[in-house]
Amino acid sequence: MPQDDPRDVSRAVKRTPPAIWTQESADAMGTSGMFLAGMIMVTRNRYLAWPSLMFGVSSYINYHPLRTKEGQPPIANLLLSFAALIASYVPLFLETPKPVQLSA
C-alpha cells in the first residue's frame, strides 16, 4: 500500500469541529416561545398561541447539535407550544351548561 493512501488506518485522526462552531448564548426564539406558551396556559389567550407555535417550530428547525456544547433539542418547547394551542382552543368546542331558569 502506498504511503500517501488516504484509506490507510494508521493515518486516521479523530474528527473535531472547529471552536468557532460552538455558541454560548441562549436561544432567544426558544425562550420567547416557552414564555408565551406559559402565558397562554395561564391566560387562555388564543391569539398568542399561534406566535408561540411559530417560535417553537422555528426553534426546532434552527437547532444545530454540532454548534452547542450541551443541551437537549427543543422538542419540549415545540410540544409545550402545541399543548398551549390545544388548551386555548378546547373551551370553544366544549359544551357550556345552559343557565337554569327559576320560576317564581
N, C-alpha and C. Protein backbone atom coordinates (compact mmCIF):
# COMPACT_ATOMS: atom_id res chain seq x y z
N MET A 1 0.86 -1.17 0.00
CA MET A 1 0.00 0.00 0.00
C MET A 1 0.91 1.24 0.00
N PRO A 2 0.62 2.24 -0.86
CA PRO A 2 1.45 3.45 -0.89
C PRO A 2 1.32 4.25 0.41
N GLN A 3 2.32 5.05 0.70
CA GLN A 3 2.34 5.84 1.93
C GLN A 3 1.32 6.97 1.93
N ASP A 4 0.95 7.48 0.78
CA ASP A 4 0.01 8.60 0.73
C ASP A 4 -1.44 8.16 0.50
N ASP A 5 -1.75 6.90 0.72
CA ASP A 5 -3.10 6.38 0.54
C ASP A 5 -4.02 6.92 1.65
N PRO A 6 -5.12 7.61 1.33
CA PRO A 6 -5.98 8.17 2.37
C PRO A 6 -6.78 7.11 3.13
N ARG A 7 -6.82 5.90 2.63
CA ARG A 7 -7.55 4.83 3.33
C ARG A 7 -6.70 4.13 4.37
N ASP A 8 -5.48 4.55 4.54
CA ASP A 8 -4.58 3.92 5.50
C ASP A 8 -5.08 4.18 6.92
N VAL A 9 -5.30 3.12 7.70
CA VAL A 9 -5.86 3.23 9.04
C VAL A 9 -4.90 3.94 9.99
N SER A 10 -3.64 3.80 9.80
CA SER A 10 -2.68 4.42 10.71
C SER A 10 -2.66 5.95 10.57
N ARG A 11 -3.19 6.48 9.49
CA ARG A 11 -3.22 7.93 9.29
C ARG A 11 -4.54 8.55 9.76
N ALA A 12 -5.45 7.78 10.32
CA ALA A 12 -6.75 8.28 10.75
C ALA A 12 -6.59 9.15 12.00
N VAL A 13 -7.35 10.24 12.03
CA VAL A 13 -7.36 11.13 13.19
C VAL A 13 -8.81 11.34 13.61
N LYS A 14 -9.00 11.67 14.88
CA LYS A 14 -10.34 11.89 15.40
C LYS A 14 -10.87 13.23 14.87
N ARG A 15 -12.12 13.23 14.45
CA ARG A 15 -12.74 14.44 13.91
C ARG A 15 -13.15 15.35 15.06
N THR A 16 -12.71 16.58 15.00
CA THR A 16 -13.12 17.58 15.99
C THR A 16 -13.62 18.81 15.25
N PRO A 17 -14.79 19.32 15.62
CA PRO A 17 -15.30 20.51 14.94
C PRO A 17 -14.49 21.75 15.35
N PRO A 18 -14.46 22.76 14.52
CA PRO A 18 -13.75 23.98 14.87
C PRO A 18 -14.35 24.66 16.09
N ALA A 19 -13.55 25.40 16.82
CA ALA A 19 -14.01 26.06 18.05
C ALA A 19 -15.04 27.14 17.76
N ILE A 20 -15.05 27.70 16.57
CA ILE A 20 -15.98 28.79 16.28
C ILE A 20 -17.41 28.29 16.09
N TRP A 21 -17.64 27.00 15.97
CA TRP A 21 -18.98 26.47 15.80
C TRP A 21 -19.81 26.53 17.07
N THR A 22 -19.16 26.48 18.21
CA THR A 22 -19.92 26.43 19.45
C THR A 22 -20.50 27.80 19.76
N GLN A 23 -21.69 27.81 20.32
CA GLN A 23 -22.32 29.06 20.71
C GLN A 23 -22.63 28.99 22.20
N GLU A 24 -22.38 30.05 22.89
CA GLU A 24 -22.61 30.09 24.32
C GLU A 24 -23.91 30.78 24.69
N SER A 25 -24.52 31.49 23.76
CA SER A 25 -25.73 32.26 24.08
C SER A 25 -26.96 31.34 24.07
N ALA A 26 -27.97 31.80 24.80
CA ALA A 26 -29.22 31.05 24.86
C ALA A 26 -30.03 31.30 23.59
N ASP A 27 -30.91 30.39 23.29
CA ASP A 27 -31.77 30.51 22.11
C ASP A 27 -32.91 31.47 22.43
N ALA A 28 -32.89 32.64 21.82
CA ALA A 28 -33.91 33.66 22.12
C ALA A 28 -35.29 33.24 21.62
N MET A 29 -35.35 32.60 20.47
CA MET A 29 -36.65 32.17 19.94
C MET A 29 -37.26 31.09 20.83
N GLY A 30 -36.45 30.17 21.28
CA GLY A 30 -36.95 29.12 22.16
C GLY A 30 -37.43 29.67 23.50
N THR A 31 -36.68 30.62 24.03
CA THR A 31 -37.06 31.23 25.30
C THR A 31 -38.35 32.02 25.15
N SER A 32 -38.48 32.76 24.06
CA SER A 32 -39.71 33.53 23.82
C SER A 32 -40.91 32.60 23.64
N GLY A 33 -40.72 31.52 22.90
CA GLY A 33 -41.81 30.57 22.70
C GLY A 33 -42.23 29.90 23.99
N MET A 34 -41.27 29.56 24.84
CA MET A 34 -41.58 28.95 26.13
C MET A 34 -42.34 29.93 27.03
N PHE A 35 -41.90 31.19 27.03
CA PHE A 35 -42.58 32.20 27.83
C PHE A 35 -44.01 32.42 27.35
N LEU A 36 -44.19 32.54 26.04
CA LEU A 36 -45.54 32.73 25.50
C LEU A 36 -46.42 31.52 25.78
N ALA A 37 -45.87 30.33 25.66
CA ALA A 37 -46.67 29.12 25.93
C ALA A 37 -47.13 29.08 27.38
N GLY A 38 -46.25 29.46 28.30
CA GLY A 38 -46.64 29.51 29.70
C GLY A 38 -47.70 30.57 29.95
N MET A 39 -47.57 31.71 29.30
CA MET A 39 -48.55 32.78 29.46
C MET A 39 -49.90 32.38 28.86
N ILE A 40 -49.88 31.62 27.78
CA ILE A 40 -51.13 31.16 27.17
C ILE A 40 -51.85 30.18 28.10
N MET A 41 -51.08 29.30 28.74
CA MET A 41 -51.70 28.34 29.65
C MET A 41 -52.40 29.04 30.81
N VAL A 42 -51.84 30.18 31.24
CA VAL A 42 -52.42 30.90 32.37
C VAL A 42 -53.60 31.78 31.93
N THR A 43 -53.43 32.51 30.83
CA THR A 43 -54.45 33.48 30.43
C THR A 43 -55.47 32.95 29.42
N ARG A 44 -55.21 31.83 28.79
CA ARG A 44 -56.09 31.25 27.75
C ARG A 44 -56.29 32.21 26.58
N ASN A 45 -55.27 32.98 26.26
CA ASN A 45 -55.33 33.92 25.14
C ASN A 45 -55.03 33.17 23.85
N ARG A 46 -56.05 33.00 23.02
CA ARG A 46 -55.90 32.23 21.79
C ARG A 46 -55.00 32.91 20.78
N TYR A 47 -54.95 34.22 20.80
CA TYR A 47 -54.19 34.94 19.78
C TYR A 47 -52.69 34.83 19.97
N LEU A 48 -52.24 34.55 21.17
CA LEU A 48 -50.81 34.37 21.41
C LEU A 48 -50.36 32.93 21.15
N ALA A 49 -51.30 32.03 20.96
CA ALA A 49 -50.93 30.63 20.75
C ALA A 49 -50.24 30.42 19.41
N TRP A 50 -50.65 31.14 18.40
CA TRP A 50 -50.06 30.94 17.08
C TRP A 50 -48.62 31.43 17.00
N PRO A 51 -48.29 32.64 17.51
CA PRO A 51 -46.87 33.03 17.52
C PRO A 51 -46.02 32.10 18.37
N SER A 52 -46.58 31.61 19.46
CA SER A 52 -45.83 30.67 20.29
C SER A 52 -45.51 29.40 19.52
N LEU A 53 -46.47 28.90 18.76
CA LEU A 53 -46.24 27.71 17.95
C LEU A 53 -45.19 27.98 16.87
N MET A 54 -45.23 29.16 16.28
CA MET A 54 -44.23 29.52 15.26
C MET A 54 -42.83 29.63 15.88
N PHE A 55 -42.75 30.19 17.09
CA PHE A 55 -41.46 30.25 17.78
C PHE A 55 -40.95 28.83 18.08
N GLY A 56 -41.86 27.95 18.47
CA GLY A 56 -41.46 26.57 18.75
C GLY A 56 -40.96 25.85 17.51
N VAL A 57 -41.66 26.03 16.39
CA VAL A 57 -41.24 25.40 15.14
C VAL A 57 -39.91 25.99 14.68
N SER A 58 -39.76 27.30 14.78
CA SER A 58 -38.52 27.95 14.38
C SER A 58 -37.35 27.48 15.24
N SER A 59 -37.58 27.36 16.53
CA SER A 59 -36.53 26.90 17.43
C SER A 59 -36.13 25.46 17.11
N TYR A 60 -37.11 24.63 16.77
CA TYR A 60 -36.82 23.23 16.45
C TYR A 60 -36.07 23.11 15.12
N ILE A 61 -36.48 23.90 14.14
CA ILE A 61 -35.83 23.84 12.83
C ILE A 61 -34.40 24.38 12.89
N ASN A 62 -34.18 25.45 13.66
CA ASN A 62 -32.88 26.10 13.71
C ASN A 62 -31.94 25.51 14.75
N TYR A 63 -32.27 24.38 15.32
CA TYR A 63 -31.39 23.73 16.30
C TYR A 63 -30.25 23.05 15.56
N HIS A 64 -29.02 23.38 15.95
CA HIS A 64 -27.84 22.78 15.34
C HIS A 64 -27.06 22.02 16.41
N PRO A 65 -27.16 20.70 16.45
CA PRO A 65 -26.50 19.96 17.53
C PRO A 65 -24.98 20.08 17.51
N LEU A 66 -24.38 20.31 16.37
CA LEU A 66 -22.92 20.44 16.33
C LEU A 66 -22.45 21.78 16.86
N ARG A 67 -23.35 22.75 16.94
CA ARG A 67 -22.95 24.08 17.39
C ARG A 67 -23.12 24.29 18.88
N THR A 68 -23.71 23.36 19.58
CA THR A 68 -23.90 23.51 21.01
C THR A 68 -23.03 22.50 21.75
N LYS A 69 -22.51 22.93 22.89
CA LYS A 69 -21.68 22.04 23.68
C LYS A 69 -22.51 21.01 24.43
N GLU A 70 -23.63 21.44 24.95
CA GLU A 70 -24.52 20.54 25.67
C GLU A 70 -25.94 21.05 25.53
N GLY A 71 -26.87 20.27 25.96
CA GLY A 71 -28.27 20.68 25.86
C GLY A 71 -29.08 19.68 25.06
N GLN A 72 -30.36 19.82 25.20
CA GLN A 72 -31.29 18.92 24.54
C GLN A 72 -31.94 19.63 23.35
N PRO A 73 -32.41 18.89 22.38
CA PRO A 73 -33.14 19.53 21.28
C PRO A 73 -34.42 20.17 21.80
N PRO A 74 -34.87 21.23 21.17
CA PRO A 74 -36.03 21.97 21.70
C PRO A 74 -37.37 21.31 21.40
N ILE A 75 -37.45 20.01 21.52
CA ILE A 75 -38.72 19.33 21.29
C ILE A 75 -39.71 19.65 22.41
N ALA A 76 -39.19 19.88 23.62
CA ALA A 76 -40.08 20.24 24.74
C ALA A 76 -40.75 21.59 24.48
N ASN A 77 -40.01 22.51 23.91
CA ASN A 77 -40.57 23.82 23.57
C ASN A 77 -41.67 23.67 22.53
N LEU A 78 -41.43 22.87 21.53
CA LEU A 78 -42.43 22.66 20.48
C LEU A 78 -43.67 21.98 21.04
N LEU A 79 -43.50 20.98 21.88
CA LEU A 79 -44.64 20.28 22.46
C LEU A 79 -45.43 21.17 23.41
N LEU A 80 -44.73 22.02 24.19
CA LEU A 80 -45.44 22.92 25.10
C LEU A 80 -46.23 23.96 24.32
N SER A 81 -45.68 24.48 23.25
CA SER A 81 -46.43 25.46 22.46
C SER A 81 -47.63 24.81 21.77
N PHE A 82 -47.48 23.58 21.34
CA PHE A 82 -48.61 22.86 20.74
C PHE A 82 -49.68 22.58 21.80
N ALA A 83 -49.27 22.20 23.01
CA ALA A 83 -50.22 21.97 24.09
C ALA A 83 -50.94 23.26 24.48
N ALA A 84 -50.22 24.38 24.44
CA ALA A 84 -50.86 25.67 24.74
C ALA A 84 -51.89 26.02 23.68
N LEU A 85 -51.59 25.71 22.43
CA LEU A 85 -52.56 25.95 21.36
C LEU A 85 -53.81 25.12 21.56
N ILE A 86 -53.63 23.87 21.88
CA ILE A 86 -54.78 22.98 22.13
C ILE A 86 -55.57 23.45 23.34
N ALA A 87 -54.86 23.80 24.43
CA ALA A 87 -55.54 24.23 25.66
C ALA A 87 -56.30 25.53 25.47
N SER A 88 -55.84 26.38 24.58
CA SER A 88 -56.54 27.65 24.38
C SER A 88 -57.78 27.48 23.50
N TYR A 89 -57.81 26.47 22.65
CA TYR A 89 -58.97 26.27 21.77
C TYR A 89 -59.97 25.23 22.27
N VAL A 90 -59.61 24.44 23.26
CA VAL A 90 -60.52 23.42 23.78
C VAL A 90 -61.82 24.00 24.33
N PRO A 91 -61.79 25.14 25.06
CA PRO A 91 -63.07 25.66 25.58
C PRO A 91 -64.07 26.05 24.50
N LEU A 92 -63.61 26.31 23.28
CA LEU A 92 -64.56 26.63 22.22
C LEU A 92 -65.39 25.43 21.80
N PHE A 93 -64.83 24.25 21.96
CA PHE A 93 -65.51 23.04 21.50
C PHE A 93 -66.26 22.30 22.60
N LEU A 94 -66.02 22.69 23.83
CA LEU A 94 -66.74 22.05 24.94
C LEU A 94 -68.10 22.70 25.10
N GLU A 95 -69.07 21.92 25.47
CA GLU A 95 -70.41 22.44 25.65
C GLU A 95 -70.51 23.12 27.01
N THR A 96 -71.04 24.33 27.00
CA THR A 96 -71.20 25.07 28.26
C THR A 96 -72.59 24.77 28.82
N PRO A 97 -72.70 24.70 30.12
CA PRO A 97 -74.01 24.44 30.70
C PRO A 97 -74.95 25.64 30.50
N LYS A 98 -76.20 25.34 30.20
CA LYS A 98 -77.18 26.40 29.98
C LYS A 98 -77.68 26.92 31.34
N PRO A 99 -77.92 28.22 31.41
CA PRO A 99 -78.42 28.76 32.69
C PRO A 99 -79.82 28.21 33.02
N VAL A 100 -80.02 27.96 34.26
CA VAL A 100 -81.30 27.42 34.72
C VAL A 100 -82.26 28.56 34.98
N GLN A 101 -83.46 28.49 34.42
CA GLN A 101 -84.49 29.50 34.65
C GLN A 101 -85.28 29.12 35.91
N LEU A 102 -85.24 29.98 36.88
CA LEU A 102 -86.01 29.74 38.09
C LEU A 102 -87.38 30.41 37.94
N SER A 103 -88.42 29.65 38.14
CA SER A 103 -89.77 30.25 38.04
C SER A 103 -90.20 30.70 39.43
N ALA A 104 -90.77 31.86 39.48
CA ALA A 104 -91.18 32.41 40.79
C ALA A 104 -92.62 32.24 41.07
